[in-house]
Amino acid sequence: MEPTKYEITYIIRPDLDEAAKTALVERFDKIVSDNGATIVDSKDWSTRRFAYEISNYNEGTYHIINATANDDAALNEFDRLAKISDDILRHMIIKRED
């Protein structure tokens, strides 16, 4: 059976310094890969202004992970930890059909 493709997009708060942002991205990439998913690529998209305020911020850095997985263990763990992280303002996991 072929692995399922996923796209994980999350917004990092803009006041993190570069070292802390890099550590956060590496930590969440490791969470995904340690739980059975394979990361195809992980990159910053851009820093964008929001249409409305999120947690007292007007902008944030969007980061995108493309991954493949045979089950949803990695996605569930990412979702659980992203919800309790103060550095991630929002996140979204989508199953890709392409």
PDB file of N, CA and C in Angstrom:
ATOM      1  N   MET A   1       0.841  -1.190   0.000  1.00  0.00           N
ATOM      2  CA  MET A   1       0.000   0.000   0.000  1.00  0.00           C
ATOM      3  C   MET A   1       0.884   1.251   0.000  1.00  0.00           C
ATOM      4  N   GLU A   2       0.531   2.193  -0.832  1.00  0.00           N
ATOM      5  CA  GLU A   2       1.304   3.424  -0.953  1.00  0.00           C
ATOM      6  C   GLU A   2       1.008   4.363   0.218  1.00  0.00           C
ATOM      7  N   PRO A   3       2.038   5.025   0.765  1.00  0.00           N
ATOM      8  CA  PRO A   3       1.812   5.950   1.876  1.00  0.00           C
ATOM      9  C   PRO A   3       0.936   7.143   1.447  1.00  0.00           C
ATOM     10  N   THR A   4       0.215   7.678   2.406  1.00  0.00           N
ATOM     11  CA  THR A   4      -0.641   8.841   2.162  1.00  0.00           C
ATOM     12  C   THR A   4       0.185  10.120   2.273  1.00  0.00           C
ATOM     13  N   LYS A   5      -0.083  11.079   1.390  1.00  0.00           N
ATOM     14  CA  LYS A   5       0.626  12.362   1.399  1.00  0.00           C
ATOM     15  C   LYS A   5      -0.155  13.371   2.251  1.00  0.00           C
ATOM     16  N   TYR A   6       0.574  14.124   3.064  1.00  0.00           N
ATOM     17  CA  TYR A   6      -0.028  15.139   3.923  1.00  0.00           C
ATOM     18  C   TYR A   6       0.719  16.448   3.796  1.00  0.00           C
ATOM     19  N   GLU A   7       0.001  17.534   4.026  1.00  0.00           N
ATOM     20  CA  GLU A   7       0.612  18.859   4.116  1.00  0.00           C
ATOM     21  C   GLU A   7       0.239  19.432   5.474  1.00  0.00           C
ATOM     22  N   ILE A   8       1.249  19.803   6.240  1.00  0.00           N
ATOM     23  CA  ILE A   8       1.046  20.403   7.557  1.00  0.00           C
ATOM     24  C   ILE A   8       1.487  21.853   7.451  1.00  0.00           C
ATOM     25  N   THR A   9       0.581  22.758   7.722  1.00  0.00           N
ATOM     26  CA  THR A   9       0.897  24.184   7.707  1.00  0.00           C
ATOM     27  C   THR A   9       0.697  24.716   9.118  1.00  0.00           C
ATOM     28  N   TYR A  10       1.675  25.458   9.614  1.00  0.00           N
ATOM     29  CA  TYR A  10       1.499  26.078  10.922  1.00  0.00           C
ATOM     30  C   TYR A  10       2.082  27.483  10.918  1.00  0.00           C
ATOM     31  N   ILE A  11       1.543  28.305  11.828  1.00  0.00           N
ATOM     32  CA  ILE A  11       1.948  29.709  11.913  1.00  0.00           C
ATOM     33  C   ILE A  11       2.754  29.902  13.194  1.00  0.00           C
ATOM     34  N   ILE A  12       3.968  30.393  13.029  1.00  0.00           N
ATOM     35  CA  ILE A  12       4.874  30.640  14.151  1.00  0.00           C
ATOM     36  C   ILE A  12       4.750  32.104  14.555  1.00  0.00           C
ATOM     37  N   ARG A  13       4.711  32.356  15.849  1.00  0.00           N
ATOM     38  CA  ARG A  13       4.574  33.750  16.299  1.00  0.00           C
ATOM     39  C   ARG A  13       5.768  34.584  15.842  1.00  0.00           C
ATOM     40  N   PRO A  14       5.527  35.832  15.471  1.00  0.00           N
ATOM     41  CA  PRO A  14       6.557  36.641  14.810  1.00  0.00           C
ATOM     42  C   PRO A  14       7.662  37.163  15.724  1.00  0.00           C
ATOM     43  N   ASP A  15       7.468  37.167  17.042  1.00  0.00           N
ATOM     44  CA  ASP A  15       8.483  37.744  17.925  1.00  0.00           C
ATOM     45  C   ASP A  15       9.544  36.735  18.383  1.00  0.00           C
ATOM     46  N   LEU A  16       9.543  35.532  17.821  1.00  0.00           N
ATOM     47  CA  LEU A  16      10.604  34.560  18.128  1.00  0.00           C
ATOM     48  C   LEU A  16      11.878  34.962  17.395  1.00  0.00           C
ATOM     49  N   ASP A  17      13.025  34.880  18.071  1.00  0.00           N
ATOM     50  CA  ASP A  17      14.270  35.157  17.362  1.00  0.00           C
ATOM     51  C   ASP A  17      14.605  33.981  16.440  1.00  0.00           C
ATOM     52  N   GLU A  18      15.548  34.189  15.547  1.00  0.00           N
ATOM     53  CA  GLU A  18      15.847  33.198  14.510  1.00  0.00           C
ATOM     54  C   GLU A  18      16.283  31.850  15.083  1.00  0.00           C
ATOM     55  N   ALA A  19      17.084  31.867  16.150  1.00  0.00           N
ATOM     56  CA  ALA A  19      17.558  30.614  16.760  1.00  0.00           C
ATOM     57  C   ALA A  19      16.399  29.834  17.378  1.00  0.00           C
ATOM     58  N   ALA A  20      15.494  30.534  18.052  1.00  0.00           N
ATOM     59  CA  ALA A  20      14.342  29.871  18.677  1.00  0.00           C
ATOM     60  C   ALA A  20      13.394  29.318  17.612  1.00  0.00           C
ATOM     61  N   LYS A  21      13.221  30.060  16.523  1.00  0.00           N
ATOM     62  CA  LYS A  21      12.361  29.594  15.426  1.00  0.00           C
ATOM     63  C   LYS A  21      12.945  28.347  14.778  1.00  0.00           C
ATOM     64  N   THR A  22      14.251  28.352  14.546  1.00  0.00           N
ATOM     65  CA  THR A  22      14.919  27.184  13.963  1.00  0.00           C
ATOM     66  C   THR A  22      14.783  25.976  14.884  1.00  0.00           C
ATOM     67  N   ALA A  23      14.950  26.176  16.186  1.00  0.00           N
ATOM     68  CA  ALA A  23      14.815  25.081  17.151  1.00  0.00           C
ATOM     69  C   ALA A  23      13.383  24.542  17.167  1.00  0.00           C
ATOM     70  N   LEU A  24      12.401  25.433  17.060  1.00  0.00           N
ATOM     71  CA  LEU A  24      10.992  25.015  17.036  1.00  0.00           C
ATOM     72  C   LEU A  24      10.700  24.173  15.791  1.00  0.00           C
ATOM     73  N   VAL A  25      11.163  24.632  14.640  1.00  0.00           N
ATOM     74  CA  VAL A  25      10.944  23.906  13.385  1.00  0.00           C
ATOM     75  C   VAL A  25      11.619  22.536  13.451  1.00  0.00           C
ATOM     76  N   GLU A  26      12.854  22.485  13.930  1.00  0.00           N
ATOM     77  CA  GLU A  26      13.563  21.203  14.043  1.00  0.00           C
ATOM     78  C   GLU A  26      12.843  20.261  15.002  1.00  0.00           C
ATOM     79  N   ARG A  27      12.329  20.807  16.108  1.00  0.00           N
ATOM     80  CA  ARG A  27      11.617  19.990  17.096  1.00  0.00           C
ATOM     81  C   ARG A  27      10.366  19.362  16.481  1.00  0.00           C
ATOM     82  N   PHE A  28       9.580  20.153  15.760  1.00  0.00           N
ATOM     83  CA  PHE A  28       8.351  19.625  15.184  1.00  0.00           C
ATOM     84  C   PHE A  28       8.625  18.730  13.972  1.00  0.00           C
ATOM     85  N   ASP A  29       9.695  18.981  13.224  1.00  0.00           N
ATOM     86  CA  ASP A  29      10.093  18.057  12.154  1.00  0.00           C
ATOM     87  C   ASP A  29      10.465  16.701  12.757  1.00  0.00           C
ATOM     88  N   LYS A  30      11.174  16.734  13.887  1.00  0.00           N
ATOM     89  CA  LYS A  30      11.588  15.496  14.553  1.00  0.00           C
ATOM     90  C   LYS A  30      10.380  14.740  15.099  1.00  0.00           C
ATOM     91  N   ILE A  31       9.398  15.449  15.618  1.00  0.00           N
ATOM     92  CA  ILE A  31       8.172  14.810  16.116  1.00  0.00           C
ATOM     93  C   ILE A  31       7.496  14.040  14.988  1.00  0.00           C
ATOM     94  N   VAL A  32       7.404  14.669  13.832  1.00  0.00           N
ATOM     95  CA  VAL A  32       6.760  14.023  12.678  1.00  0.00           C
ATOM     96  C   VAL A  32       7.555  12.796  12.241  1.00  0.00           C
ATOM     97  N   SER A  33       8.870  12.937  12.082  1.00  0.00           N
ATOM     98  CA  SER A  33       9.676  11.813  11.586  1.00  0.00           C
ATOM     99  C   SER A  33       9.840  10.701  12.620  1.00  0.00           C
ATOM    100  N   ASP A  34       9.899  11.037  13.901  1.00  0.00           N
ATOM    101  CA  ASP A  34      10.046  10.009  14.945  1.00  0.00           C
ATOM    102  C   ASP A  34       8.800   9.158  15.112  1.00  0.00           C
ATOM    103  N   ASN A  35       7.657   9.641  14.635  1.00  0.00           N
ATOM    104  CA  ASN A  35       6.405   8.905  14.792  1.00  0.00           C
ATOM    105  C   ASN A  35       5.979   8.192  13.507  1.00  0.00           C
ATOM    106  N   GLY A  36       6.927   7.955  12.613  1.00  0.00           N
ATOM    107  CA  GLY A  36       6.663   7.090  11.474  1.00  0.00           C
ATOM    108  C   GLY A  36       6.401   7.767  10.138  1.00  0.00           C
ATOM    109  N   ALA A  37       6.403   9.078  10.090  1.00  0.00           N
ATOM    110  CA  ALA A  37       6.187   9.762   8.813  1.00  0.00           C
ATOM    111  C   ALA A  37       7.538  10.085   8.175  1.00  0.00           C
ATOM    112  N   THR A  38       7.527  10.272   6.870  1.00  0.00           N
ATOM    113  CA  THR A  38       8.722  10.670   6.132  1.00  0.00           C
ATOM    114  C   THR A  38       8.513  12.090   5.633  1.00  0.00           C
ATOM    115  N   ILE A  39       9.422  12.983   5.994  1.00  0.00           N
ATOM    116  CA  ILE A  39       9.304  14.381   5.578  1.00  0.00           C
ATOM    117  C   ILE A  39       9.883  14.525   4.175  1.00  0.00           C
ATOM    118  N   VAL A  40       9.061  15.000   3.242  1.00  0.00           N
ATOM    119  CA  VAL A  40       9.498  15.257   1.871  1.00  0.00           C
ATOM    120  C   VAL A  40      10.215  16.598   1.823  1.00  0.00           C
ATOM    121  N   ASP A  41       9.602  17.639   2.386  1.00  0.00           N
ATOM    122  CA  ASP A  41      10.272  18.918   2.561  1.00  0.00           C
ATOM    123  C   ASP A  41       9.621  19.699   3.690  1.00  0.00           C
ATOM    124  N   SER A  42      10.415  20.618   4.245  1.00  0.00           N
ATOM    125  CA  SER A  42       9.971  21.447   5.364  1.00  0.00           C
ATOM    126  C   SER A  42      10.577  22.823   5.141  1.00  0.00           C
ATOM    127  N   LYS A  43       9.722  23.826   4.931  1.00  0.00           N
ATOM    128  CA  LYS A  43      10.253  25.148   4.596  1.00  0.00           C
ATOM    129  C   LYS A  43       9.314  26.263   5.052  1.00  0.00           C
ATOM    130  N   ASP A  44       9.922  27.444   5.270  1.00  0.00           N
ATOM    131  CA  ASP A  44       9.121  28.631   5.564  1.00  0.00           C
ATOM    132  C   ASP A  44       8.463  29.080   4.276  1.00  0.00           C
ATOM    133  N   TRP A  45       7.228  29.499   4.373  1.00  0.00           N
ATOM    134  CA  TRP A  45       6.533  30.038   3.222  1.00  0.00           C
ATOM    135  C   TRP A  45       6.802  31.537   3.186  1.00  0.00           C
ATOM    136  N   SER A  46       6.272  32.263   4.173  1.00  0.00           N
ATOM    137  CA  SER A  46       6.546  33.692   4.287  1.00  0.00           C
ATOM    138  C   SER A  46       5.951  34.212   5.584  1.00  0.00           C
ATOM    139  N   THR A  47       6.327  35.436   5.920  1.00  0.00           N
ATOM    140  CA  THR A  47       5.696  36.124   7.050  1.00  0.00           C
ATOM    141  C   THR A  47       4.591  36.971   6.459  1.00  0.00           C
ATOM    142  N   ARG A  48       3.385  36.762   6.967  1.00  0.00           N
ATOM    143  CA  ARG A  48       2.224  37.431   6.374  1.00  0.00           C
ATOM    144  C   ARG A  48       1.397  38.120   7.450  1.00  0.00           C
ATOM    145  N   ARG A  49       0.726  39.145   7.028  1.00  0.00           N
ATOM    146  CA  ARG A  49      -0.189  39.873   7.902  1.00  0.00           C
ATOM    147  C   ARG A  49      -1.517  39.123   7.936  1.00  0.00           C
ATOM    148  N   PHE A  50      -2.123  39.041   9.136  1.00  0.00           N
ATOM    149  CA  PHE A  50      -3.395  38.335   9.298  1.00  0.00           C
ATOM    150  C   PHE A  50      -4.573  39.242   8.947  1.00  0.00           C
ATOM    151  N   ALA A  51      -5.677  38.631   8.592  1.00  0.00           N
ATOM    152  CA  ALA A  51      -6.910  39.377   8.347  1.00  0.00           C
ATOM    153  C   ALA A  51      -7.522  39.841   9.668  1.00  0.00           C
ATOM    154  N   TYR A  52      -7.232  39.100  10.734  1.00  0.00           N
ATOM    155  CA  TYR A  52      -7.711  39.450  12.065  1.00  0.00           C
ATOM    156  C   TYR A  52      -6.640  39.048  13.076  1.00  0.00           C
ATOM    157  N   GLU A  53      -6.703  39.608  14.255  1.00  0.00           N
ATOM    158  CA  GLU A  53      -5.707  39.357  15.281  1.00  0.00           C
ATOM    159  C   GLU A  53      -5.832  37.939  15.835  1.00  0.00           C
ATOM    160  N   ILE A  54      -4.700  37.267  15.992  1.00  0.00           N
ATOM    161  CA  ILE A  54      -4.662  35.936  16.597  1.00  0.00           C
ATOM    162  C   ILE A  54      -3.732  36.013  17.808  1.00  0.00           C
ATOM    163  N   SER A  55      -4.254  35.784  18.985  1.00  0.00           N
ATOM    164  CA  SER A  55      -3.468  35.798  20.233  1.00  0.00           C
ATOM    165  C   SER A  55      -2.623  37.066  20.363  1.00  0.00           C
ATOM    166  N   ASN A  56      -3.219  38.208  20.070  1.00  0.00           N
ATOM    167  CA  ASN A  56      -2.581  39.525  20.157  1.00  0.00           C
ATOM    168  C   ASN A  56      -1.483  39.752  19.124  1.00  0.00           C
ATOM    169  N   TYR A  57      -1.446  38.966  18.049  1.00  0.00           N
ATOM    170  CA  TYR A  57      -0.477  39.157  16.968  1.00  0.00           C
ATOM    171  C   TYR A  57      -1.222  39.510  15.689  1.00  0.00           C
ATOM    172  N   ASN A  58      -0.610  40.403  14.887  1.00  0.00           N
ATOM    173  CA  ASN A  58      -1.196  40.809  13.611  1.00  0.00           C
ATOM    174  C   ASN A  58      -0.523  40.140  12.415  1.00  0.00           C
ATOM    175  N   GLU A  59       0.584  39.421  12.656  1.00  0.00           N
ATOM    176  CA  GLU A  59       1.275  38.717  11.594  1.00  0.00           C
ATOM    177  C   GLU A  59       1.962  37.492  12.168  1.00  0.00           C
ATOM    178  N   GLY A  60       2.402  36.598  11.268  1.00  0.00           N
ATOM    179  CA  GLY A  60       3.096  35.389  11.697  1.00  0.00           C
ATOM    180  C   GLY A  60       3.835  34.771  10.532  1.00  0.00           C
ATOM    181  N   THR A  61       4.760  33.864  10.843  1.00  0.00           N
ATOM    182  CA  THR A  61       5.532  33.178   9.818  1.00  0.00           C
ATOM    183  C   THR A  61       4.886  31.829   9.538  1.00  0.00           C
ATOM    184  N   TYR A  62       4.514  31.624   8.293  1.00  0.00           N
ATOM    185  CA  TYR A  62       3.895  30.363   7.882  1.00  0.00           C
ATOM    186  C   TYR A  62       5.003  29.359   7.548  1.00  0.00           C
ATOM    187  N   HIS A  63       4.867  28.139   8.050  1.00  0.00           N
ATOM    188  CA  HIS A  63       5.820  27.070   7.767  1.00  0.00           C
ATOM    189  C   HIS A  63       5.039  25.872   7.230  1.00  0.00           C
ATOM    190  N   ILE A  64       5.575  25.229   6.191  1.00  0.00           N
ATOM    191  CA  ILE A  64       4.872  24.114   5.551  1.00  0.00           C
ATOM    192  C   ILE A  64       5.755  22.871   5.574  1.00  0.00           C
ATOM    193  N   ILE A  65       5.148  21.750   5.989  1.00  0.00           N
ATOM    194  CA  ILE A  65       5.814  20.444   5.945  1.00  0.00           C
ATOM    195  C   ILE A  65       5.012  19.570   4.995  1.00  0.00           C
ATOM    196  N   ASN A  66       5.661  18.994   4.003  1.00  0.00           N
ATOM    197  CA  ASN A  66       5.051  17.963   3.162  1.00  0.00           C
ATOM    198  C   ASN A  66       5.613  16.634   3.634  1.00  0.00           C
ATOM    199  N   ALA A  67       4.723  15.693   3.935  1.00  0.00           N
ATOM    200  CA  ALA A  67       5.156  14.410   4.483  1.00  0.00           C
ATOM    201  C   ALA A  67       4.310  13.277   3.928  1.00  0.00           C
ATOM    202  N   THR A  68       4.838  12.071   4.057  1.00  0.00           N
ATOM    203  CA  THR A  68       4.076  10.875   3.722  1.00  0.00           C
ATOM    204  C   THR A  68       4.052   9.981   4.955  1.00  0.00           C
ATOM    205  N   ALA A  69       2.944   9.259   5.135  1.00  0.00           N
ATOM    206  CA  ALA A  69       2.815   8.382   6.301  1.00  0.00           C
ATOM    207  C   ALA A  69       1.870   7.237   5.978  1.00  0.00           C
ATOM    208  N   ASN A  70       2.117   6.096   6.600  1.00  0.00           N
ATOM    209  CA  ASN A  70       1.248   4.932   6.431  1.00  0.00           C
ATOM    210  C   ASN A  70       0.089   4.935   7.424  1.00  0.00           C
ATOM    211  N   ASP A  71       0.272   5.608   8.555  1.00  0.00           N
ATOM    212  CA  ASP A  71      -0.818   5.749   9.526  1.00  0.00           C
ATOM    213  C   ASP A  71      -0.800   7.171  10.062  1.00  0.00           C
ATOM    214  N   ASP A  72      -1.728   7.491  10.948  1.00  0.00           N
ATOM    215  CA  ASP A  72      -1.837   8.879  11.403  1.00  0.00           C
ATOM    216  C   ASP A  72      -1.207   9.139  12.771  1.00  0.00           C
ATOM    217  N   ALA A  73      -0.323   8.282  13.239  1.00  0.00           N
ATOM    218  CA  ALA A  73       0.320   8.468  14.542  1.00  0.00           C
ATOM    219  C   ALA A  73       1.127   9.765  14.589  1.00  0.00           C
ATOM    220  N   ALA A  74       1.904  10.023  13.543  1.00  0.00           N
ATOM    221  CA  ALA A  74       2.727  11.232  13.505  1.00  0.00           C
ATOM    222  C   ALA A  74       1.860  12.485  13.471  1.00  0.00           C
ATOM    223  N   LEU A  75       0.770  12.421  12.729  1.00  0.00           N
ATOM    224  CA  LEU A  75      -0.117  13.581  12.620  1.00  0.00           C
ATOM    225  C   LEU A  75      -0.837  13.847  13.931  1.00  0.00           C
ATOM    226  N   ASN A  76      -1.261  12.791  14.593  1.00  0.00           N
ATOM    227  CA  ASN A  76      -1.929  12.956  15.891  1.00  0.00           C
ATOM    228  C   ASN A  76      -0.990  13.553  16.928  1.00  0.00           C
ATOM    229  N   GLU A  77       0.268  13.102  16.933  1.00  0.00           N
ATOM    230  CA  GLU A  77       1.240  13.630  17.887  1.00  0.00           C
ATOM    231  C   GLU A  77       1.577  15.087  17.563  1.00  0.00           C
ATOM    232  N   PHE A  78       1.754  15.411  16.289  1.00  0.00           N
ATOM    233  CA  PHE A  78       2.000  16.803  15.895  1.00  0.00           C
ATOM    234  C   PHE A  78       0.828  17.676  16.350  1.00  0.00           C
ATOM    235  N   ASP A  79      -0.388  17.241  16.062  1.00  0.00           N
ATOM    236  CA  ASP A  79      -1.588  17.989  16.426  1.00  0.00           C
ATOM    237  C   ASP A  79      -1.656  18.219  17.932  1.00  0.00           C
ATOM    238  N   ARG A  80      -1.397  17.179  18.706  1.00  0.00           N
ATOM    239  CA  ARG A  80      -1.472  17.283  20.168  1.00  0.00           C
ATOM    240  C   ARG A  80      -0.459  18.290  20.701  1.00  0.00           C
ATOM    241  N   LEU A  81       0.786  18.209  20.227  1.00  0.00           N
ATOM    242  CA  LEU A  81       1.831  19.098  20.734  1.00  0.00           C
ATOM    243  C   LEU A  81       1.707  20.522  20.193  1.00  0.00           C
ATOM    244  N   ALA A  82       1.208  20.681  18.972  1.00  0.00           N
ATOM    245  CA  ALA A  82       1.021  22.026  18.414  1.00  0.00           C
ATOM    246  C   ALA A  82      -0.067  22.777  19.181  1.00  0.00           C
ATOM    247  N   LYS A  83      -1.074  22.064  19.655  1.00  0.00           N
ATOM    248  CA  LYS A  83      -2.155  22.706  20.413  1.00  0.00           C
ATOM    249  C   LYS A  83      -1.669  23.284  21.737  1.00  0.00           C
ATOM    250  N   ILE A  84      -0.658  22.657  22.336  1.00  0.00           N
ATOM    251  CA  ILE A  84      -0.186  23.142  23.641  1.00  0.00           C
ATOM    252  C   ILE A  84       1.058  24.024  23.544  1.00  0.00           C
ATOM    253  N   SER A  85       1.585  24.215  22.338  1.00  0.00           N
ATOM    254  CA  SER A  85       2.755  25.071  22.149  1.00  0.00           C
ATOM    255  C   SER A  85       2.326  26.530  22.057  1.00  0.00           C
ATOM    256  N   ASP A  86       2.955  27.378  22.865  1.00  0.00           N
ATOM    257  CA  ASP A  86       2.658  28.814  22.816  1.00  0.00           C
ATOM    258  C   ASP A  86       3.270  29.483  21.589  1.00  0.00           C
ATOM    259  N   ASP A  87       4.242  28.830  20.952  1.00  0.00           N
ATOM    260  CA  ASP A  87       4.942  29.421  19.810  1.00  0.00           C
ATOM    261  C   ASP A  87       4.219  29.202  18.492  1.00  0.00           C
ATOM    262  N   ILE A  88       3.264  28.265  18.464  1.00  0.00           N
ATOM    263  CA  ILE A  88       2.474  28.013  17.250  1.00  0.00           C
ATOM    264  C   ILE A  88       1.091  28.616  17.460  1.00  0.00           C
ATOM    265  N   LEU A  89       0.754  29.592  16.614  1.00  0.00           N
ATOM    266  CA  LEU A  89      -0.526  30.291  16.764  1.00  0.00           C
ATOM    267  C   LEU A  89      -1.691  29.485  16.202  1.00  0.00           C
ATOM    268  N   ARG A  90      -1.488  28.865  15.043  1.00  0.00           N
ATOM    269  CA  ARG A  90      -2.511  28.031  14.392  1.00  0.00           C
ATOM    270  C   ARG A  90      -1.807  26.938  13.601  1.00  0.00           C
ATOM    271  N   HIS A  91      -2.498  25.838  13.370  1.00  0.00           N
ATOM    272  CA  HIS A  91      -1.952  24.791  12.509  1.00  0.00           C
ATOM    273  C   HIS A  91      -3.090  24.087  11.782  1.00  0.00           C
ATOM    274  N   MET A  92      -2.724  23.449  10.680  1.00  0.00           N
ATOM    275  CA  MET A  92      -3.716  22.741   9.861  1.00  0.00           C
ATOM    276  C   MET A  92      -3.022  21.560   9.178  1.00  0.00           C
ATOM    277  N   ILE A  93      -3.684  20.411   9.187  1.00  0.00           N
ATOM    278  CA  ILE A  93      -3.145  19.224   8.542  1.00  0.00           C
ATOM    279  C   ILE A  93      -4.126  18.813   7.455  1.00  0.00           C
ATOM    280  N   ILE A  94      -3.622  18.673   6.230  1.00  0.00           N
ATOM    281  CA  ILE A  94      -4.494  18.286   5.118  1.00  0.00           C
ATOM    282  C   ILE A  94      -3.949  17.029   4.442  1.00  0.00           C
ATOM    283  N   LYS A  95      -4.855  16.176   4.039  1.00  0.00           N
ATOM    284  CA  LYS A  95      -4.497  14.991   3.266  1.00  0.00           C
ATOM    285  C   LYS A  95      -4.475  15.415   1.803  1.00  0.00           C
ATOM    286  N   ARG A  96      -3.345  15.184   1.126  1.00  0.00           N
ATOM    287  CA  ARG A  96      -3.219  15.576  -0.280  1.00  0.00           C
ATOM    288  C   ARG A  96      -3.653  14.450  -1.190  1.00  0.00           C
ATOM    289  N   GLU A  97      -4.319  14.788  -2.256  1.00  0.00           N
ATOM    290  CA  GLU A  97      -4.834  13.793  -3.193  1.00  0.00           C
ATOM    291  C   GLU A  97      -3.959  13.617  -4.427  1.00  0.00           C
ATOM    292  N   ASP A  98      -2.940  14.458  -4.609  1.00  0.00           N
ATOM    293  CA  ASP A  98      -2.137  14.377  -5.832  1.00  0.00           C
ATOM    294  C   ASP A  98      -1.081  13.323  -5.793  1.00  0.00           C
TER     295      ASP A  98
END
